[in-house]
Protein backbone atom coordinates (compact mmCIF):
# COMPACT_ATOMS: atom_id res chain seq x y z
CA MET A 1 221.53 22.11 21.37
CA ASP A 2 219.86 18.91 22.61
CA LYS A 3 219.28 16.99 19.18
CA ASP A 4 216.36 15.00 20.93
CA GLU A 5 214.60 17.80 22.06
CA ALA A 6 214.95 19.66 18.80
CA ARG A 7 213.66 16.75 16.74
CA GLU A 8 210.83 16.62 19.16
CA VAL A 9 210.13 20.31 18.64
CA LEU A 10 210.51 20.22 14.75
CA GLN A 11 208.38 17.44 14.48
CA GLY A 12 205.53 19.03 16.61
CA HIS A 13 205.44 21.80 13.82
CA LEU A 14 205.63 19.57 11.01
CA THR A 15 203.35 16.71 11.73
CA PRO A 16 200.23 18.99 11.88
CA LEU A 17 201.19 20.24 8.28
CA ARG A 18 200.91 16.75 6.97
CA ASP A 19 196.97 17.20 7.71
CA LEU A 20 196.97 19.93 5.19
CA SER A 21 196.07 19.42 1.54
CA TYR A 22 198.21 19.56 -1.29
CA GLU A 23 196.72 22.81 -2.37
CA GLU A 24 196.95 24.41 1.00
CA LEU A 25 200.72 23.45 1.44
CA LYS A 26 201.22 24.94 -1.85
CA ALA A 27 199.45 28.24 -1.28
CA ARG A 28 201.23 28.48 2.15
CA PHE A 29 204.88 27.38 1.60
CA LEU A 30 205.66 26.93 -2.07
CA ASN A 31 208.68 29.29 -2.57
CA LYS A 32 208.00 31.07 0.77
CA GLN A 33 209.37 30.53 4.02
CA GLU A 34 208.09 30.93 7.55
CA ALA A 35 210.31 31.29 10.31
CA PHE A 36 209.78 31.78 13.96
CA ASP A 37 211.00 31.30 17.34
CA THR A 38 209.80 28.74 19.91
CA HIS A 39 210.66 27.08 23.04
CA GLY A 40 211.34 23.45 23.95
CA PRO A 41 210.01 21.37 26.75
CA SER A 42 213.15 22.24 28.78
CA GLY A 43 212.58 25.90 28.17
CA ALA A 44 215.62 26.17 25.58
CA TRP A 45 215.05 28.60 22.54
CA TYR A 46 214.81 27.41 19.01
CA GLN A 47 214.54 28.91 15.69
CA LEU A 48 212.60 27.19 13.22
CA GLU A 49 212.19 27.81 9.28
CA ILE A 50 209.55 25.84 7.24
CA GLN A 51 209.54 26.22 3.53
CA GLY A 52 208.29 24.36 0.29
CA PHE A 53 209.54 23.82 -3.07
CA TRP A 54 209.03 21.42 -6.17
CA ASP A 55 210.69 17.95 -5.42
CA ASP A 56 211.13 16.89 -8.65
CA ARG A 57 209.42 19.27 -11.23
CA ARG A 58 207.14 22.13 -11.36
CA GLY A 59 203.62 21.19 -10.80
CA GLY A 60 204.66 17.88 -9.38
CA ASN A 61 205.61 16.55 -6.02
CA LEU A 62 205.73 19.21 -3.51
CA ARG A 63 208.53 18.92 -0.41
CA ILE A 64 207.74 20.61 2.86
CA LEU A 65 211.20 21.10 4.73
CA GLY A 66 211.80 22.04 8.35
CA SER A 67 214.90 23.07 9.74
CA ILE A 68 215.75 23.95 13.55
CA ASP A 69 219.02 25.21 15.40
CA ASP A 70 219.74 27.09 18.62
CA GLY A 71 221.00 30.34 17.05
CA GLY A 72 224.67 29.22 18.05
CA TRP A 73 226.99 27.20 15.82
CA ARG A 74 223.90 24.83 15.02
CA ALA A 75 222.79 27.54 12.62
CA PHE A 76 225.59 26.68 10.22
CA SER A 77 224.23 22.96 10.00
CA PRO A 78 220.84 22.83 11.24
CA LEU A 79 218.75 19.72 12.14
CA THR A 80 216.16 19.14 9.21
CA ASP A 81 213.39 16.95 8.33
CA SER A 82 210.92 16.78 5.60
CA PHE A 83 208.02 15.06 3.90
CA ILE A 84 206.78 14.94 0.19
CA MET A 85 203.35 15.30 -0.87
CA ALA A 86 202.13 14.14 -4.54
CA PRO A 87 199.41 16.10 -6.14
CA ASP A 88 196.94 13.18 -4.99
CA GLY A 89 197.65 14.07 -1.50
CA SER A 90 199.67 10.72 -1.03
CA PHE A 91 202.88 10.88 0.71
CA ILE A 92 206.13 9.67 -1.45
CA GLY A 93 208.91 7.38 -0.10
CA GLU A 94 206.78 6.28 3.10
CA ASP A 95 205.12 3.07 3.96
CA PRO A 96 201.33 3.02 3.64
């Protein structure tokens, strides 16, 4: 798996989610998972999973986690990235 391409594909799916509100993210992803197949610019096949869960306590910060693999050995250790949104819509652990 080309890690740079996989990172780019994963970011391409996570970045637009940052424009959703806390309530939209919660309704779509909390304790739910979206899994789908996609292709990278090279034509390589990837499997993505995006899910949400409470980061610290119920009703608090929401972590959105994305993972990507190519279905091979990488499926046992997928590449991941995430962001955390507070109930007020701000992002936790990021510079303004």
